[in-house]
Amino acid sequence: MRQGRLGWTLVALLAALPATGCGDAVTDTGEFDRQRWAAGHGQYDAPNPRAGMVAALRERHLRVGMPRADVRALLGIPDASAPQRDTWFLGRSGVGPSIETWVVEYGPDGQVLHFGLARS
């Protein structure tokens, strides 16, 4: 009987992780919203509204081959930039002591090669 209670306790604790903010900070909580995304500019070590929009970006908004100008029109000014890379802060990771970012990399022609989540 004791083992059964322990098992149910473990199940209850695991089920509670998303509700307590533990676990992966990047979860899809809704559709992409430009104003909410813009409100997260510069927030690298605090709760950031951008984290909940990553799935929508990945699935419905960004695409390989998209021009850099179109990406920036959608996401606004990146928090960091390099000649072939733009980075937007998503905030502190819920799964460890790292900072999450959304990275878009471009080819020499300025079109998206790939994009995704990065942790540092």
N, C-alpha and C. Protein backbone atom coordinates (compact mmCIF):
# COMPACT_ATOMS: atom_id res chain seq x y z
N MET A 1 0.82 -1.20 0.00
CA MET A 1 0.00 0.00 0.00
C MET A 1 0.87 1.27 0.00
N ARG A 2 1.97 1.22 0.75
CA ARG A 2 2.83 2.40 0.83
C ARG A 2 3.39 2.76 -0.54
N GLN A 3 3.80 1.76 -1.32
CA GLN A 3 4.34 2.01 -2.65
C GLN A 3 3.28 2.65 -3.55
N GLY A 4 2.04 2.25 -3.41
CA GLY A 4 0.95 2.84 -4.21
C GLY A 4 0.77 4.31 -3.92
N ARG A 5 0.83 4.68 -2.63
CA ARG A 5 0.69 6.09 -2.26
C ARG A 5 1.86 6.92 -2.81
N LEU A 6 3.04 6.35 -2.74
CA LEU A 6 4.22 7.03 -3.25
C LEU A 6 4.10 7.27 -4.75
N GLY A 7 3.61 6.27 -5.47
CA GLY A 7 3.41 6.40 -6.91
C GLY A 7 2.42 7.51 -7.26
N TRP A 8 1.29 7.54 -6.53
CA TRP A 8 0.29 8.58 -6.79
C TRP A 8 0.81 9.96 -6.42
N THR A 9 1.62 10.03 -5.37
CA THR A 9 2.21 11.31 -4.98
C THR A 9 3.14 11.82 -6.08
N LEU A 10 3.95 10.91 -6.62
CA LEU A 10 4.84 11.28 -7.71
C LEU A 10 4.06 11.77 -8.93
N VAL A 11 2.99 11.07 -9.28
CA VAL A 11 2.15 11.48 -10.41
C VAL A 11 1.57 12.87 -10.17
N ALA A 12 1.09 13.12 -8.95
CA ALA A 12 0.51 14.42 -8.62
C ALA A 12 1.55 15.53 -8.71
N LEU A 13 2.77 15.25 -8.23
CA LEU A 13 3.84 16.26 -8.31
C LEU A 13 4.22 16.57 -9.75
N LEU A 14 4.34 15.55 -10.57
CA LEU A 14 4.68 15.77 -11.98
C LEU A 14 3.59 16.53 -12.70
N ALA A 15 2.35 16.23 -12.39
CA ALA A 15 1.24 16.94 -13.03
C ALA A 15 1.20 18.41 -12.63
N ALA A 16 1.73 18.73 -11.43
CA ALA A 16 1.69 20.10 -10.94
C ALA A 16 2.82 20.97 -11.50
N LEU A 17 3.84 20.37 -12.12
CA LEU A 17 4.98 21.17 -12.61
C LEU A 17 4.58 22.33 -13.50
N PRO A 18 3.76 22.14 -14.56
CA PRO A 18 3.41 23.28 -15.39
C PRO A 18 2.67 24.37 -14.63
N ALA A 19 1.85 24.00 -13.67
CA ALA A 19 1.08 24.98 -12.92
C ALA A 19 1.95 25.81 -11.99
N THR A 20 3.09 25.27 -11.57
CA THR A 20 3.95 25.99 -10.64
C THR A 20 5.03 26.79 -11.34
N GLY A 21 5.09 26.70 -12.67
CA GLY A 21 6.11 27.44 -13.39
C GLY A 21 7.38 26.65 -13.57
N CYS A 22 7.44 25.44 -13.03
CA CYS A 22 8.61 24.60 -13.23
C CYS A 22 8.48 23.92 -14.57
N GLY A 23 9.56 23.40 -15.05
CA GLY A 23 9.52 22.75 -16.35
C GLY A 23 9.94 23.72 -17.43
N ASP A 24 9.67 23.38 -18.65
CA ASP A 24 10.10 24.18 -19.79
C ASP A 24 9.35 25.50 -19.84
N ALA A 25 10.09 26.60 -19.85
CA ALA A 25 9.47 27.92 -19.88
C ALA A 25 8.84 28.22 -21.23
N VAL A 26 9.24 27.50 -22.24
CA VAL A 26 8.72 27.78 -23.57
C VAL A 26 7.55 26.84 -23.85
N THR A 27 6.37 27.30 -23.54
CA THR A 27 5.16 26.54 -23.81
C THR A 27 4.22 27.42 -24.61
N ASP A 28 3.37 26.80 -25.37
CA ASP A 28 2.44 27.55 -26.21
C ASP A 28 1.22 27.92 -25.40
N THR A 29 1.12 29.20 -25.04
CA THR A 29 -0.04 29.65 -24.28
C THR A 29 -1.00 30.44 -25.16
N GLY A 30 -0.74 30.50 -26.44
CA GLY A 30 -1.65 31.24 -27.29
C GLY A 30 -1.03 31.64 -28.60
N GLU A 31 -1.72 32.48 -29.29
CA GLU A 31 -1.30 32.95 -30.60
C GLU A 31 -0.23 34.02 -30.46
N PHE A 32 0.51 34.21 -31.51
CA PHE A 32 1.52 35.27 -31.54
C PHE A 32 0.84 36.62 -31.51
N ASP A 33 1.37 37.53 -30.69
CA ASP A 33 0.84 38.88 -30.55
C ASP A 33 2.02 39.85 -30.61
N ARG A 34 2.07 40.69 -31.65
CA ARG A 34 3.21 41.60 -31.84
C ARG A 34 3.43 42.54 -30.66
N GLN A 35 2.36 43.06 -30.09
CA GLN A 35 2.50 44.00 -28.98
C GLN A 35 3.06 43.31 -27.74
N ARG A 36 2.58 42.12 -27.44
CA ARG A 36 3.12 41.37 -26.29
C ARG A 36 4.57 40.98 -26.55
N TRP A 37 4.88 40.58 -27.80
CA TRP A 37 6.27 40.24 -28.14
C TRP A 37 7.17 41.46 -27.93
N ALA A 38 6.74 42.61 -28.43
CA ALA A 38 7.53 43.85 -28.29
C ALA A 38 7.73 44.22 -26.82
N ALA A 39 6.75 43.92 -25.98
CA ALA A 39 6.86 44.24 -24.55
C ALA A 39 7.98 43.46 -23.87
N GLY A 40 8.42 42.36 -24.48
CA GLY A 40 9.49 41.56 -23.91
C GLY A 40 10.88 41.99 -24.32
N HIS A 41 11.01 43.05 -25.11
CA HIS A 41 12.32 43.50 -25.59
C HIS A 41 13.25 43.78 -24.42
N GLY A 42 14.45 43.19 -24.45
CA GLY A 42 15.46 43.44 -23.43
C GLY A 42 15.30 42.65 -22.14
N GLN A 43 14.25 41.87 -22.00
CA GLN A 43 14.02 41.09 -20.76
C GLN A 43 14.66 39.72 -20.89
N TYR A 44 15.92 39.62 -20.54
CA TYR A 44 16.60 38.34 -20.69
C TYR A 44 16.60 37.52 -19.41
N ASP A 45 16.42 38.15 -18.25
CA ASP A 45 16.52 37.43 -16.99
C ASP A 45 15.29 37.64 -16.12
N ALA A 46 14.15 37.78 -16.74
CA ALA A 46 12.90 38.00 -16.02
C ALA A 46 11.79 37.26 -16.78
N PRO A 47 10.65 37.09 -16.16
CA PRO A 47 9.54 36.49 -16.92
C PRO A 47 9.29 37.30 -18.19
N ASN A 48 9.12 36.61 -19.29
CA ASN A 48 9.00 37.28 -20.57
C ASN A 48 7.79 36.73 -21.32
N PRO A 49 6.90 37.60 -21.79
CA PRO A 49 5.70 37.13 -22.49
C PRO A 49 6.00 36.42 -23.80
N ARG A 50 7.20 36.59 -24.31
CA ARG A 50 7.56 35.96 -25.59
C ARG A 50 7.60 34.44 -25.51
N ALA A 51 7.98 33.91 -24.36
CA ALA A 51 8.19 32.47 -24.23
C ALA A 51 6.95 31.68 -24.64
N GLY A 52 5.78 32.17 -24.34
CA GLY A 52 4.55 31.46 -24.66
C GLY A 52 4.12 31.56 -26.11
N MET A 53 4.85 32.29 -26.92
CA MET A 53 4.47 32.48 -28.32
C MET A 53 5.35 31.71 -29.29
N VAL A 54 6.33 31.01 -28.78
CA VAL A 54 7.31 30.34 -29.64
C VAL A 54 6.67 29.27 -30.54
N ALA A 55 5.78 28.48 -29.99
CA ALA A 55 5.15 27.42 -30.80
C ALA A 55 4.35 28.03 -31.95
N ALA A 56 3.64 29.11 -31.68
CA ALA A 56 2.87 29.77 -32.74
C ALA A 56 3.80 30.32 -33.82
N LEU A 57 4.92 30.90 -33.42
CA LEU A 57 5.89 31.40 -34.40
C LEU A 57 6.38 30.25 -35.27
N ARG A 58 6.79 29.17 -34.62
CA ARG A 58 7.36 28.03 -35.33
C ARG A 58 6.35 27.41 -36.29
N GLU A 59 5.12 27.28 -35.85
CA GLU A 59 4.12 26.56 -36.63
C GLU A 59 3.38 27.42 -37.67
N ARG A 60 3.20 28.71 -37.38
CA ARG A 60 2.31 29.49 -38.23
C ARG A 60 2.86 30.79 -38.82
N HIS A 61 4.05 31.22 -38.39
CA HIS A 61 4.48 32.55 -38.83
C HIS A 61 5.82 32.58 -39.56
N LEU A 62 6.82 31.92 -39.03
CA LEU A 62 8.13 31.94 -39.67
C LEU A 62 8.28 30.78 -40.64
N ARG A 63 9.09 30.99 -41.66
CA ARG A 63 9.34 29.91 -42.62
C ARG A 63 10.73 30.09 -43.23
N VAL A 64 11.32 28.97 -43.57
CA VAL A 64 12.61 28.99 -44.26
C VAL A 64 12.42 29.72 -45.58
N GLY A 65 13.39 30.56 -45.95
CA GLY A 65 13.32 31.33 -47.18
C GLY A 65 12.71 32.71 -47.01
N MET A 66 12.16 33.00 -45.84
CA MET A 66 11.55 34.30 -45.56
C MET A 66 12.65 35.37 -45.52
N PRO A 67 12.45 36.54 -46.13
CA PRO A 67 13.46 37.60 -46.08
C PRO A 67 13.64 38.17 -44.67
N ARG A 68 14.84 38.57 -44.35
CA ARG A 68 15.15 39.14 -43.04
C ARG A 68 14.25 40.34 -42.73
N ALA A 69 13.99 41.15 -43.71
CA ALA A 69 13.12 42.32 -43.50
C ALA A 69 11.73 41.89 -43.04
N ASP A 70 11.21 40.80 -43.57
CA ASP A 70 9.89 40.31 -43.16
C ASP A 70 9.92 39.76 -41.73
N VAL A 71 11.01 39.09 -41.37
CA VAL A 71 11.15 38.58 -40.00
C VAL A 71 11.17 39.75 -39.03
N ARG A 72 11.94 40.76 -39.35
CA ARG A 72 12.03 41.92 -38.45
C ARG A 72 10.72 42.72 -38.43
N ALA A 73 9.99 42.74 -39.51
CA ALA A 73 8.68 43.39 -39.51
C ALA A 73 7.73 42.65 -38.56
N LEU A 74 7.86 41.36 -38.51
CA LEU A 74 7.02 40.54 -37.63
C LEU A 74 7.46 40.63 -36.18
N LEU A 75 8.77 40.46 -35.91
CA LEU A 75 9.28 40.34 -34.54
C LEU A 75 9.86 41.63 -33.96
N GLY A 76 10.05 42.62 -34.79
CA GLY A 76 10.62 43.87 -34.30
C GLY A 76 12.13 43.81 -34.19
N ILE A 77 12.70 44.80 -33.56
CA ILE A 77 14.15 44.91 -33.42
C ILE A 77 14.66 43.76 -32.56
N PRO A 78 15.65 43.02 -33.03
CA PRO A 78 16.19 41.93 -32.21
C PRO A 78 16.94 42.47 -30.99
N ASP A 79 17.03 41.64 -29.96
CA ASP A 79 17.79 42.01 -28.77
C ASP A 79 19.28 41.94 -29.02
N ALA A 80 19.68 41.11 -29.97
CA ALA A 80 21.08 41.00 -30.38
C ALA A 80 21.09 40.64 -31.85
N SER A 81 22.14 41.04 -32.53
CA SER A 81 22.19 40.82 -33.98
C SER A 81 23.62 40.65 -34.44
N ALA A 82 23.79 39.87 -35.48
CA ALA A 82 25.08 39.67 -36.14
C ALA A 82 24.80 39.69 -37.64
N PRO A 83 25.82 39.67 -38.48
CA PRO A 83 25.56 39.76 -39.91
C PRO A 83 24.57 38.72 -40.46
N GLN A 84 24.57 37.50 -39.91
CA GLN A 84 23.66 36.49 -40.43
C GLN A 84 22.83 35.84 -39.33
N ARG A 85 22.57 36.61 -38.25
CA ARG A 85 21.83 36.04 -37.12
C ARG A 85 21.13 37.13 -36.32
N ASP A 86 19.87 36.90 -36.00
CA ASP A 86 19.12 37.77 -35.09
C ASP A 86 18.70 36.94 -33.89
N THR A 87 18.72 37.57 -32.70
CA THR A 87 18.37 36.89 -31.46
C THR A 87 17.39 37.73 -30.66
N TRP A 88 16.35 37.08 -30.15
CA TRP A 88 15.36 37.71 -29.28
C TRP A 88 15.36 36.97 -27.96
N PHE A 89 15.41 37.71 -26.84
CA PHE A 89 15.42 37.11 -25.51
C PHE A 89 14.04 36.55 -25.17
N LEU A 90 14.03 35.38 -24.53
CA LEU A 90 12.78 34.76 -24.06
C LEU A 90 12.71 34.70 -22.54
N GLY A 91 13.80 34.99 -21.86
CA GLY A 91 13.82 34.95 -20.40
C GLY A 91 14.57 33.75 -19.86
N ARG A 92 14.56 33.63 -18.55
CA ARG A 92 15.25 32.53 -17.88
C ARG A 92 14.51 31.22 -18.11
N SER A 93 15.27 30.17 -18.36
CA SER A 93 14.72 28.85 -18.59
C SER A 93 14.08 28.29 -17.33
N GLY A 94 12.99 27.57 -17.50
CA GLY A 94 12.34 26.90 -16.39
C GLY A 94 12.96 25.55 -16.09
N VAL A 95 13.93 25.13 -16.90
CA VAL A 95 14.51 23.80 -16.72
C VAL A 95 15.97 23.85 -16.29
N GLY A 96 16.45 24.98 -15.90
CA GLY A 96 17.83 25.06 -15.46
C GLY A 96 18.30 26.50 -15.41
N PRO A 97 19.57 26.68 -15.06
CA PRO A 97 20.10 28.05 -14.89
C PRO A 97 20.57 28.67 -16.19
N SER A 98 19.74 28.66 -17.19
CA SER A 98 20.14 29.22 -18.48
C SER A 98 19.13 30.25 -18.95
N ILE A 99 19.56 31.01 -19.92
CA ILE A 99 18.70 32.01 -20.56
C ILE A 99 18.25 31.44 -21.90
N GLU A 100 16.97 31.57 -22.20
CA GLU A 100 16.45 31.08 -23.47
C GLU A 100 16.34 32.23 -24.47
N THR A 101 16.66 31.93 -25.70
CA THR A 101 16.57 32.91 -26.77
C THR A 101 15.92 32.27 -27.99
N TRP A 102 15.35 33.10 -28.83
CA TRP A 102 14.81 32.68 -30.12
C TRP A 102 15.79 33.20 -31.17
N VAL A 103 16.36 32.29 -31.94
CA VAL A 103 17.42 32.63 -32.88
C VAL A 103 16.95 32.37 -34.31
N VAL A 104 17.19 33.33 -35.18
CA VAL A 104 16.92 33.17 -36.61
C VAL A 104 18.24 33.39 -37.34
N GLU A 105 18.62 32.41 -38.14
CA GLU A 105 19.86 32.51 -38.92
C GLU A 105 19.53 32.66 -40.40
N TYR A 106 20.34 33.49 -41.06
CA TYR A 106 20.11 33.85 -42.46
C TYR A 106 21.28 33.43 -43.32
N GLY A 107 20.99 33.18 -44.58
CA GLY A 107 22.03 32.91 -45.55
C GLY A 107 22.62 34.20 -46.06
N PRO A 108 23.62 34.11 -46.93
CA PRO A 108 24.25 35.32 -47.50
C PRO A 108 23.25 36.19 -48.28
N ASP A 109 22.17 35.58 -48.74
CA ASP A 109 21.14 36.33 -49.48
C ASP A 109 20.13 37.01 -48.56
N GLY A 110 20.30 36.86 -47.23
CA GLY A 110 19.39 37.50 -46.28
C GLY A 110 18.09 36.76 -46.06
N GLN A 111 18.01 35.52 -46.50
CA GLN A 111 16.79 34.74 -46.30
C GLN A 111 17.01 33.72 -45.19
N VAL A 112 15.93 33.40 -44.48
CA VAL A 112 16.00 32.50 -43.34
C VAL A 112 16.49 31.11 -43.76
N LEU A 113 17.53 30.65 -43.05
CA LEU A 113 18.02 29.27 -43.24
C LEU A 113 17.36 28.35 -42.22
N HIS A 114 17.31 28.80 -40.97
CA HIS A 114 16.64 28.05 -39.91
C HIS A 114 16.40 28.96 -38.71
N PHE A 115 15.56 28.48 -37.81
CA PHE A 115 15.21 29.24 -36.62
C PHE A 115 14.87 28.28 -35.50
N GLY A 116 14.98 28.75 -34.27
CA GLY A 116 14.64 27.89 -33.14
C GLY A 116 15.10 28.42 -31.81
N LEU A 117 14.82 27.63 -30.80
CA LEU A 117 15.14 27.94 -29.42
C LEU A 117 16.60 27.62 -29.13
N ALA A 118 17.24 28.49 -28.37
CA ALA A 118 18.61 28.24 -27.91
C ALA A 118 18.68 28.55 -26.42
N ARG A 119 19.50 27.80 -25.73
CA ARG A 119 19.72 28.04 -24.30
C ARG A 119 21.20 28.30 -24.09
N SER A 120 21.48 29.29 -23.24
CA SER A 120 22.89 29.59 -22.95
C SER A 120 23.10 29.74 -21.46
